[in-house]
C-alpha atoms as a PDB file:
ATOM      1  CA  MET A   1     131.973 106.396  98.864  1.00  0.00           C
ATOM      2  CA  LYS A   2     132.547 102.852  97.733  1.00  0.00           C
ATOM      3  CA  THR A   3     134.730 102.321  94.694  1.00  0.00           C
ATOM      4  CA  LYS A   4     133.139 100.005  92.174  1.00  0.00           C
ATOM      5  CA  PRO A   5     135.555  97.649  90.441  1.00  0.00           C
ATOM      6  CA  ILE A   6     135.541  97.536  86.650  1.00  0.00           C
ATOM      7  CA  LEU A   7     134.580  93.946  85.884  1.00  0.00           C
ATOM      8  CA  CYS A   8     135.409  93.889  82.191  1.00  0.00           C
ATOM      9  CA  PRO A   9     137.725  96.770  81.215  1.00  0.00           C
ATOM     10  CA  GLN A  10     137.851  95.592  77.593  1.00  0.00           C
ATOM     11  CA  ARG A  11     134.107  96.309  77.260  1.00  0.00           C
ATOM     12  CA  LEU A  12     133.961  99.644  79.142  1.00  0.00           C
ATOM     13  CA  ARG A  13     131.014 101.731  77.864  1.00  0.00           C
ATOM     14  CA  HIS A  14     131.696 104.979  76.008  1.00  0.00           C
ATOM     15  CA  VAL A  15     129.283 107.646  74.814  1.00  0.00           C
ATOM     16  CA  PRO A  16     128.435 106.672  71.252  1.00  0.00           C
ATOM     17  CA  ARG A  17     128.653 109.064  68.291  1.00  0.00           C
ATOM     18  CA  GLN A  18     124.908 108.929  67.840  1.00  0.00           C
ATOM     19  CA  PHE A  19     122.650 110.288  70.575  1.00  0.00           C
ATOM     20  CA  SER A  20     120.809 107.811  72.792  1.00  0.00           C
ATOM     21  CA  TRP A  21     120.113 107.716  76.510  1.00  0.00           C
ATOM     22  CA  ILE A  22     118.000 106.398  79.316  1.00  0.00           C
ATOM     23  CA  ASP A  23     117.405 108.808  82.205  1.00  0.00           C
ATOM     24  CA  GLN A  24     118.246 107.266  85.603  1.00  0.00           C
ATOM     25  CA  ARG A  25     115.251 109.046  87.119  1.00  0.00           C
ATOM     26  CA  LEU A  26     113.110 106.498  85.293  1.00  0.00           C
ATOM     27  CA  VAL A  27     114.082 104.064  88.078  1.00  0.00           C
ATOM     28  CA  ARG A  28     114.950 106.454  90.902  1.00  0.00           C
ATOM     29  CA  ASP A  29     111.659 108.353  90.718  1.00  0.00           C
ATOM     30  CA  ARG A  30     109.741 105.120  90.102  1.00  0.00           C
ATOM     31  CA  HIS A  31     108.350 106.088  86.702  1.00  0.00           C
ATOM     32  CA  ILE A  32     108.587 102.444  85.701  1.00  0.00           C
ATOM     33  CA  LYS A  33     106.601 101.176  88.689  1.00  0.00           C
ATOM     34  CA  GLY A  34     103.448  99.365  87.552  1.00  0.00           C
ATOM     35  CA  ARG A  35     104.363  99.475  83.828  1.00  0.00           C
ATOM     36  CA  THR A  36     103.925  96.362  81.727  1.00  0.00           C
ATOM     37  CA  PRO A  37     106.966  94.666  80.204  1.00  0.00           C
ATOM     38  CA  GLN A  38     105.562  95.551  76.752  1.00  0.00           C
ATOM     39  CA  SER A  39     105.368  99.299  77.523  1.00  0.00           C
ATOM     40  CA  LEU A  40     108.910  99.233  78.970  1.00  0.00           C
ATOM     41  CA  ALA A  41     110.181  97.469  75.844  1.00  0.00           C
ATOM     42  CA  LEU A  42     108.552 100.125  73.680  1.00  0.00           C
ATOM     43  CA  TYR A  43     110.014 102.894  75.855  1.00  0.00           C
ATOM     44  CA  LEU A  44     113.506 101.399  75.558  1.00  0.00           C
ATOM     45  CA  PHE A  45     113.051 101.120  71.808  1.00  0.00           C
ATOM     46  CA  LEU A  46     111.908 104.751  71.534  1.00  0.00           C
ATOM     47  CA  CYS A  47     114.735 106.050  73.749  1.00  0.00           C
ATOM     48  CA  THR A  48     117.213 104.182  71.581  1.00  0.00           C
ATOM     49  CA  VAL A  49     115.950 105.477  68.244  1.00  0.00           C
ATOM     50  CA  ALA A  50     115.028 109.030  69.326  1.00  0.00           C
ATOM     51  CA  ASP A  51     117.048 112.083  68.401  1.00  0.00           C
ATOM     52  CA  ALA A  52     118.358 114.650  70.925  1.00  0.00           C
ATOM     53  CA  GLN A  53     114.833 116.175  71.215  1.00  0.00           C
ATOM     54  CA  GLY A  54     113.303 112.740  71.912  1.00  0.00           C
ATOM     55  CA  MET A  55     111.656 112.593  68.480  1.00  0.00           C
ATOM     56  CA  SER A  56     111.332 109.569  66.285  1.00  0.00           C
ATOM     57  CA  TYR A  57     108.945 108.250  63.708  1.00  0.00           C
ATOM     58  CA  TYR A  58     108.372 104.573  63.118  1.00  0.00           C
ATOM     59  CA  SER A  59     105.300 102.999  61.557  1.00  0.00           C
ATOM     60  CA  ASP A  60     103.290 100.633  63.719  1.00  0.00           C
ATOM     61  CA  THR A  61     104.406  97.843  61.403  1.00  0.00           C
ATOM     62  CA  THR A  62     108.100  98.607  61.849  1.00  0.00           C
ATOM     63  CA  ALA A  63     107.981  99.284  65.605  1.00  0.00           C
ATOM     64  CA  GLY A  64     105.768  96.298  66.262  1.00  0.00           C
ATOM     65  CA  GLY A  65     107.804  93.995  64.016  1.00  0.00           C
ATOM     66  CA  THR A  66     111.050  95.066  65.709  1.00  0.00           C
ATOM     67  CA  LEU A  67     109.599  94.355  69.152  1.00  0.00           C
ATOM     68  CA  GLY A  68     107.658  91.240  68.143  1.00  0.00           C
ATOM     69  CA  PHE A  69     104.319  92.940  69.013  1.00  0.00           C
ATOM     70  CA  GLY A  70     101.017  92.598  67.208  1.00  0.00           C
ATOM     71  CA  SER A  71      99.032  95.763  66.499  1.00  0.00           C
ATOM     72  CA  VAL A  72      96.842  95.395  69.606  1.00  0.00           C
ATOM     73  CA  GLU A  73      99.851  94.841  71.866  1.00  0.00           C
ATOM     74  CA  LEU A  74     101.680  97.846  70.384  1.00  0.00           C
ATOM     75  CA  ARG A  75      98.642 100.143  70.799  1.00  0.00           C
ATOM     76  CA  ALA A  76      98.197  99.034  74.419  1.00  0.00           C
ATOM     77  CA  ALA A  77     101.886  99.658  75.240  1.00  0.00           C
ATOM     78  CA  ARG A  78     101.797 103.036  73.510  1.00  0.00           C
ATOM     79  CA  SER A  79      98.568 104.016  75.328  1.00  0.00           C
ATOM     80  CA  GLU A  80     100.116 103.101  78.636  1.00  0.00           C
ATOM     81  CA  LEU A  81     103.150 105.247  77.975  1.00  0.00           C
ATOM     82  CA  VAL A  82     101.050 108.184  76.859  1.00  0.00           C
ATOM     83  CA  ALA A  83      98.766 107.872  79.892  1.00  0.00           C
ATOM     84  CA  SER A  84     101.799 107.800  82.220  1.00  0.00           C
ATOM     85  CA  ARG A  85     103.202 110.891  80.430  1.00  0.00           C
ATOM     86  CA  LEU A  86     106.422 109.185  79.407  1.00  0.00           C
ATOM     87  CA  ILE A  87     105.804 109.744  75.691  1.00  0.00           C
ATOM     88  CA  ALA A  88     103.656 111.838  73.361  1.00  0.00           C
ATOM     89  CA  TYR A  89     102.306 110.348  70.163  1.00  0.00           C
ATOM     90  CA  ASP A  90     100.795 111.835  67.042  1.00  0.00           C
ATOM     91  CA  SER A  91     100.967 109.252  64.257  1.00  0.00           C
ATOM     92  CA  PRO A  92     103.609 108.570  63.035  1.00  0.00           C
ATOM     93  CA  PHE A  93     105.601 110.771  65.424  1.00  0.00           C
ATOM     94  CA  TYR A  94     106.738 109.748  68.890  1.00  0.00           C
ATOM     95  CA  GLN A  95     108.363 112.024  71.413  1.00  0.00           C
ATOM     96  CA  VAL A  96     110.071 110.673  74.521  1.00  0.00           C
ATOM     97  CA  LEU A  97     109.196 113.287  77.129  1.00  0.00           C
ATOM     98  CA  SER A  98     111.371 114.702  79.850  1.00  0.00           C
ATOM     99  CA  LEU A  99     110.619 113.040  83.146  1.00  0.00           C
ATOM    100  CA  ASP A 100     108.430 115.109  85.430  1.00  0.00           C
ATOM    101  CA  PRO A 101     109.212 114.899  89.091  1.00  0.00           C
ATOM    102  CA  VAL A 102     106.808 112.516  90.763  1.00  0.00           C
ATOM    103  CA  VAL A 103     104.892 114.552  93.322  1.00  0.00           C
ATOM    104  CA  ALA A 104     102.703 112.789  95.863  1.00  0.00           C
ATOM    105  CA  ALA A 105     101.790 114.139  99.292  1.00  0.00           C
ATOM    106  CA  THR A 106     101.995 110.736 100.891  1.00  0.00           C
ATOM    107  CA  THR A 107     105.278 109.501  99.392  1.00  0.00           C
ATOM    108  CA  ARG A 108     108.776 110.601 100.257  1.00  0.00           C
ATOM    109  CA  PRO A 109     111.612 110.718  97.769  1.00  0.00           C
ATOM    110  CA  PRO A 110     113.616 107.516  97.576  1.00  0.00           C
ATOM    111  CA  GLU A 111     116.398 107.225 100.140  1.00  0.00           C
ATOM    112  CA  PRO A 112     119.865 107.441  98.609  1.00  0.00           C
ATOM    113  CA  ARG A 113     121.722 104.223  98.041  1.00  0.00           C
ATOM    114  CA  GLU A 114     124.686 103.364 100.203  1.00  0.00           C
ATOM    115  CA  GLY A 115     127.650 105.524  99.315  1.00  0.00           C
ATOM    116  CA  GLU A 116     125.556 107.935  97.197  1.00  0.00           C
ATOM    117  CA  GLU A 117     126.248 111.631  97.768  1.00  0.00           C
ATOM    118  CA  ARG A 118     123.558 113.904  99.215  1.00  0.00           C
ATOM    119  CA  SER A 119     123.411 117.654  99.484  1.00  0.00           C
ATOM    120  CA  ILE A 120     123.413 119.302 102.904  1.00  0.00           C
ATOM    121  CA  GLY A 121     119.850 120.457 102.179  1.00  0.00           C
ATOM    122  CA  GLU A 122     118.721 116.896 101.636  1.00  0.00           C
ATOM    123  CA  ILE A 123     120.400 115.784 104.872  1.00  0.00           C
ATOM    124  CA  LEU A 124     118.781 118.642 106.865  1.00  0.00           C
ATOM    125  CA  ARG A 125     115.350 117.944 105.354  1.00  0.00           C
ATOM    126  CA  SER A 126     115.552 114.287 106.258  1.00  0.00           C
ATOM    127  CA  MET A 127     116.564 115.190 109.805  1.00  0.00           C
ATOM    128  CA  MET A 128     113.640 117.602 110.129  1.00  0.00           C
ATOM    129  CA  GLU A 129     111.166 115.032 108.773  1.00  0.00           C
ATOM    130  CA  ALA A 130     112.407 112.459 111.282  1.00  0.00           C
ATOM    131  CA  LYS A 131     111.367 114.648 114.217  1.00  0.00           C
END
């Protein structure tokens, strides 16, 4: 496995006291594929302000104002996230949902990046699929 150099040790990230996270599967499982920049900005905002259960409540005025969105733009971004099952919404409550595995008969899981660890099961499955 490659060792990644720390580029700026003075600014090394630490887990903050407050809870906030972005799940890596958002990219790895391609949940963001085809999403508009506005919906991704809203998703980042919601992940940042949500509690440990993914819950937050912001008025349309506050959320839209923070993101620089008009009401139509905010509603469109929210609708896109709800339709893609990334969030649930019941005014004024938002919930960032756990990421469901993307299941499609015609698509294979993403190949691991160089140096990324894989389980023996994953290695054997990829060998069997190659035959």
